[in-house]
C-alpha atoms as a PDB file:
ATOM      1  CA  UNK A   1     -58.552   9.731 -17.111  1.00  0.00           C
ATOM      2  CA  UNK A   2     -54.814   9.193 -16.845  1.00  0.00           C
ATOM      3  CA  UNK A   3     -52.890  10.844 -14.027  1.00  0.00           C
ATOM      4  CA  UNK A   4     -49.386  11.986 -14.973  1.00  0.00           C
ATOM      5  CA  UNK A   5     -47.116  13.714 -12.497  1.00  0.00           C
ATOM      6  CA  UNK A   6     -43.904  15.472 -13.499  1.00  0.00           C
ATOM      7  CA  UNK A   7     -41.220  17.165 -11.455  1.00  0.00           C
ATOM      8  CA  UNK A   8     -37.625  18.125 -11.922  1.00  0.00           C
ATOM      9  CA  UNK A   9     -34.726  17.465  -9.593  1.00  0.00           C
ATOM     10  CA  UNK A  10     -31.581  19.609  -9.681  1.00  0.00           C
ATOM     11  CA  UNK A  11     -32.345  20.997 -13.146  1.00  0.00           C
ATOM     12  CA  UNK A  12     -34.583  23.722 -14.539  1.00  0.00           C
ATOM     13  CA  UNK A  13     -36.982  22.346 -17.123  1.00  0.00           C
ATOM     14  CA  UNK A  14     -40.640  22.733 -18.070  1.00  0.00           C
ATOM     15  CA  UNK A  15     -42.839  19.714 -17.409  1.00  0.00           C
ATOM     16  CA  UNK A  16     -45.634  20.845 -19.752  1.00  0.00           C
ATOM     17  CA  UNK A  17     -44.432  19.058 -22.911  1.00  0.00           C
ATOM     18  CA  UNK A  18     -43.671  15.902 -20.925  1.00  0.00           C
ATOM     19  CA  UNK A  19     -47.188  15.866 -19.502  1.00  0.00           C
ATOM     20  CA  UNK A  20     -48.685  16.353 -22.965  1.00  0.00           C
ATOM     21  CA  UNK A  21     -46.466  13.723 -24.587  1.00  0.00           C
ATOM     22  CA  UNK A  22     -47.067  11.196 -21.815  1.00  0.00           C
ATOM     23  CA  UNK A  23     -50.836  11.614 -22.016  1.00  0.00           C
ATOM     24  CA  UNK A  24     -50.773  11.253 -25.808  1.00  0.00           C
ATOM     25  CA  UNK A  25     -48.519   8.191 -25.598  1.00  0.00           C
ATOM     26  CA  UNK A  26     -50.735   6.529 -22.986  1.00  0.00           C
ATOM     27  CA  UNK A  27     -53.843   7.139 -25.093  1.00  0.00           C
ATOM     28  CA  UNK A  28     -52.049   5.785 -28.186  1.00  0.00           C
ATOM     29  CA  UNK A  29     -51.202   2.669 -26.172  1.00  0.00           C
ATOM     30  CA  UNK A  30     -54.870   2.249 -25.267  1.00  0.00           C
ATOM     31  CA  UNK A  31     -54.329   3.066 -21.619  1.00  0.00           C
ATOM     32  CA  UNK A  32     -56.803   5.000 -19.515  1.00  0.00           C
ATOM     33  CA  UNK A  33     -57.084   5.510 -15.782  1.00  0.00           C
ATOM     34  CA  UNK A  34     -53.396   4.821 -15.178  1.00  0.00           C
ATOM     35  CA  UNK A  35     -50.858   6.685 -13.062  1.00  0.00           C
ATOM     36  CA  UNK A  36     -47.398   7.627 -14.304  1.00  0.00           C
ATOM     37  CA  UNK A  37     -44.679   9.655 -12.608  1.00  0.00           C
ATOM     38  CA  UNK A  38     -41.954  11.436 -14.583  1.00  0.00           C
ATOM     39  CA  UNK A  39     -38.811  12.760 -12.924  1.00  0.00           C
ATOM     40  CA  UNK A  40     -36.461  14.998 -14.893  1.00  0.00           C
ATOM     41  CA  UNK A  41     -32.947  15.228 -13.502  1.00  0.00           C
ATOM     42  CA  UNK A  42     -29.252  15.679 -14.170  1.00  0.00           C
ATOM     43  CA  UNK A  43     -26.499  13.071 -14.511  1.00  0.00           C
ATOM     44  CA  UNK A  44     -25.465  13.428 -10.861  1.00  0.00           C
ATOM     45  CA  UNK A  45     -28.955  12.374  -9.768  1.00  0.00           C
ATOM     46  CA  UNK A  46     -29.431   9.428 -12.153  1.00  0.00           C
ATOM     47  CA  UNK A  47     -25.878   8.009 -11.828  1.00  0.00           C
ATOM     48  CA  UNK A  48     -26.300   6.405  -8.365  1.00  0.00           C
ATOM     49  CA  UNK A  49     -29.704   5.025  -9.357  1.00  0.00           C
ATOM     50  CA  UNK A  50     -28.194   3.380 -12.434  1.00  0.00           C
ATOM     51  CA  UNK A  51     -25.356   1.983 -10.314  1.00  0.00           C
ATOM     52  CA  UNK A  52     -27.596   0.703  -7.527  1.00  0.00           C
ATOM     53  CA  UNK A  53     -30.411  -0.760  -9.637  1.00  0.00           C
ATOM     54  CA  UNK A  54     -28.658  -1.819 -12.835  1.00  0.00           C
ATOM     55  CA  UNK A  55     -25.067  -2.342 -11.696  1.00  0.00           C
ATOM     56  CA  UNK A  56     -23.774   0.217 -14.224  1.00  0.00           C
ATOM     57  CA  UNK A  57     -21.529   2.804 -12.589  1.00  0.00           C
ATOM     58  CA  UNK A  58     -22.272   5.683 -14.968  1.00  0.00           C
ATOM     59  CA  UNK A  59     -25.124   8.032 -15.799  1.00  0.00           C
ATOM     60  CA  UNK A  60     -27.805   6.781 -18.163  1.00  0.00           C
ATOM     61  CA  UNK A  61     -30.439   8.507 -20.253  1.00  0.00           C
ATOM     62  CA  UNK A  62     -33.618   6.944 -18.873  1.00  0.00           C
ATOM     63  CA  UNK A  63     -34.616   4.573 -16.086  1.00  0.00           C
ATOM     64  CA  UNK A  64     -38.004   2.966 -15.565  1.00  0.00           C
ATOM     65  CA  UNK A  65     -39.320   1.567 -12.310  1.00  0.00           C
ATOM     66  CA  UNK A  66     -42.479  -0.454 -12.834  1.00  0.00           C
ATOM     67  CA  UNK A  67     -44.976  -0.436  -9.995  1.00  0.00           C
ATOM     68  CA  UNK A  68     -47.662  -2.515 -11.668  1.00  0.00           C
ATOM     69  CA  UNK A  69     -48.096  -5.937 -10.164  1.00  0.00           C
ATOM     70  CA  UNK A  70     -46.650  -8.640 -12.439  1.00  0.00           C
ATOM     71  CA  UNK A  71     -49.339  -9.882 -14.787  1.00  0.00           C
ATOM     72  CA  UNK A  72     -52.042  -7.485 -13.542  1.00  0.00           C
ATOM     73  CA  UNK A  73     -53.039  -5.233 -16.460  1.00  0.00           C
ATOM     74  CA  UNK A  74     -55.787  -3.710 -14.297  1.00  0.00           C
ATOM     75  CA  UNK A  75     -53.357  -2.223 -11.770  1.00  0.00           C
ATOM     76  CA  UNK A  76     -53.630   1.541 -12.389  1.00  0.00           C
ATOM     77  CA  UNK A  77     -50.112   2.423 -11.192  1.00  0.00           C
ATOM     78  CA  UNK A  78     -47.654   2.041 -14.077  1.00  0.00           C
ATOM     79  CA  UNK A  79     -44.579   3.401 -12.327  1.00  0.00           C
ATOM     80  CA  UNK A  80     -41.820   5.986 -12.647  1.00  0.00           C
ATOM     81  CA  UNK A  81     -39.792   7.196 -15.622  1.00  0.00           C
ATOM     82  CA  UNK A  82     -36.607   9.095 -14.765  1.00  0.00           C
ATOM     83  CA  UNK A  83     -34.921  11.052 -17.559  1.00  0.00           C
ATOM     84  CA  UNK A  84     -31.502  12.700 -17.451  1.00  0.00           C
ATOM     85  CA  UNK A  85     -31.789  15.992 -19.308  1.00  0.00           C
ATOM     86  CA  UNK A  86     -27.989  16.164 -19.568  1.00  0.00           C
ATOM     87  CA  UNK A  87     -27.809  12.766 -21.316  1.00  0.00           C
ATOM     88  CA  UNK A  88     -30.686  13.791 -23.598  1.00  0.00           C
ATOM     89  CA  UNK A  89     -28.877  16.989 -24.618  1.00  0.00           C
ATOM     90  CA  UNK A  90     -25.660  15.116 -25.413  1.00  0.00           C
ATOM     91  CA  UNK A  91     -27.457  12.358 -27.330  1.00  0.00           C
ATOM     92  CA  UNK A  92     -29.476  14.872 -29.357  1.00  0.00           C
ATOM     93  CA  UNK A  93     -26.226  16.558 -30.425  1.00  0.00           C
ATOM     94  CA  UNK A  94     -24.591  13.211 -31.226  1.00  0.00           C
ATOM     95  CA  UNK A  95     -27.597  12.032 -33.241  1.00  0.00           C
ATOM     96  CA  UNK A  96     -28.109  15.359 -34.987  1.00  0.00           C
ATOM     97  CA  UNK A  97     -31.717  15.975 -34.038  1.00  0.00           C
ATOM     98  CA  UNK A  98     -33.504  18.527 -31.830  1.00  0.00           C
ATOM     99  CA  UNK A  99     -33.631  18.029 -28.065  1.00  0.00           C
ATOM    100  CA  UNK A 100     -37.421  17.615 -28.263  1.00  0.00           C
ATOM    101  CA  UNK A 101     -37.047  14.557 -30.475  1.00  0.00           C
ATOM    102  CA  UNK A 102     -34.639  12.971 -28.002  1.00  0.00           C
ATOM    103  CA  UNK A 103     -36.829  13.799 -24.987  1.00  0.00           C
ATOM    104  CA  UNK A 104     -39.914  12.333 -26.665  1.00  0.00           C
ATOM    105  CA  UNK A 105     -37.976   9.193 -27.581  1.00  0.00           C
ATOM    106  CA  UNK A 106     -36.692   8.739 -24.024  1.00  0.00           C
ATOM    107  CA  UNK A 107     -40.145   9.289 -22.541  1.00  0.00           C
ATOM    108  CA  UNK A 108     -41.808   6.760 -24.861  1.00  0.00           C
ATOM    109  CA  UNK A 109     -38.918   4.332 -24.338  1.00  0.00           C
ATOM    110  CA  UNK A 110     -39.358   4.588 -20.571  1.00  0.00           C
ATOM    111  CA  UNK A 111     -43.119   4.094 -20.755  1.00  0.00           C
ATOM    112  CA  UNK A 112     -42.691   1.005 -22.931  1.00  0.00           C
ATOM    113  CA  UNK A 113     -40.306  -0.466 -20.359  1.00  0.00           C
ATOM    114  CA  UNK A 114     -43.031   0.007 -17.733  1.00  0.00           C
ATOM    115  CA  UNK A 115     -45.323  -2.062 -19.946  1.00  0.00           C
ATOM    116  CA  UNK A 116     -42.820  -4.919 -20.203  1.00  0.00           C
ATOM    117  CA  UNK A 117     -41.049  -4.080 -23.448  1.00  0.00           C
ATOM    118  CA  UNK A 118     -37.323  -4.778 -23.454  1.00  0.00           C
ATOM    119  CA  UNK A 119     -34.345  -4.676 -25.810  1.00  0.00           C
ATOM    120  CA  UNK A 120     -31.953  -7.267 -24.405  1.00  0.00           C
ATOM    121  CA  UNK A 121     -32.497  -9.654 -27.309  1.00  0.00           C
ATOM    122  CA  UNK A 122     -32.500  -8.610 -30.984  1.00  0.00           C
ATOM    123  CA  UNK A 123     -36.092  -9.685 -31.558  1.00  0.00           C
ATOM    124  CA  UNK A 124     -37.271  -7.805 -28.458  1.00  0.00           C
ATOM    125  CA  UNK A 125     -35.297  -4.730 -29.526  1.00  0.00           C
ATOM    126  CA  UNK A 126     -36.906  -4.757 -32.973  1.00  0.00           C
ATOM    127  CA  UNK A 127     -40.395  -5.006 -31.465  1.00  0.00           C
ATOM    128  CA  UNK A 128     -39.683  -2.215 -28.998  1.00  0.00           C
ATOM    129  CA  UNK A 129     -38.190   0.067 -31.655  1.00  0.00           C
ATOM    130  CA  UNK A 130     -41.172  -0.486 -33.949  1.00  0.00           C
ATOM    131  CA  UNK A 131     -43.570   0.385 -31.111  1.00  0.00           C
ATOM    132  CA  UNK A 132     -41.506   3.481 -30.259  1.00  0.00           C
ATOM    133  CA  UNK A 133     -41.712   4.701 -33.859  1.00  0.00           C
ATOM    134  CA  UNK A 134     -45.442   4.016 -33.967  1.00  0.00           C
ATOM    135  CA  UNK A 135     -46.108   5.989 -30.772  1.00  0.00           C
ATOM    136  CA  UNK A 136     -43.694   8.819 -31.634  1.00  0.00           C
ATOM    137  CA  UNK A 137     -45.464   9.328 -34.975  1.00  0.00           C
ATOM    138  CA  UNK A 138     -48.693  10.019 -33.057  1.00  0.00           C
ATOM    139  CA  UNK A 139     -47.296  12.669 -30.710  1.00  0.00           C
ATOM    140  CA  UNK A 140     -48.088  16.322 -31.304  1.00  0.00           C
ATOM    141  CA  UNK A 141     -46.099  18.263 -28.711  1.00  0.00           C
ATOM    142  CA  UNK A 142     -44.308  21.617 -28.858  1.00  0.00           C
ATOM    143  CA  UNK A 143     -40.903  21.150 -27.209  1.00  0.00           C
ATOM    144  CA  UNK A 144     -39.435  24.624 -27.773  1.00  0.00           C
ATOM    145  CA  UNK A 145     -38.635  26.316 -24.491  1.00  0.00           C
ATOM    146  CA  UNK A 146     -38.588  23.028 -22.558  1.00  0.00           C
ATOM    147  CA  UNK A 147     -35.183  23.825 -21.064  1.00  0.00           C
ATOM    148  CA  UNK A 148     -35.116  26.758 -18.652  1.00  0.00           C
END
């Protein structure tokens, strides 16, 4: 059984849909008995993390911190996914879709990063986007009321 932990920092948000979506995504990826931590925050919280770990002095939408030992698929600890709710709200408006769609996309995107997917090169980006679409099509989560 997968263990998914969710908490919010400096922002009021319900973790229930994130827990459901994460569990469904992990199952769709064929993962069982893994641990995943999700932190939901605001731009002020994620900005220094993005600056310190990625060298980008601005808020970002999602950060992933893999804990799994390199090359050890049996390590049960995947890592942490940190999502800025503020960025998600802005991006949902910009992209013209509901906040739930954006939150699901960011969560799946973060999980895929923990599994080694990347989007630095065009070919990698295409593979990651295809996997995101595949996983997102399998999710059945009610996102209404996620924001407090």
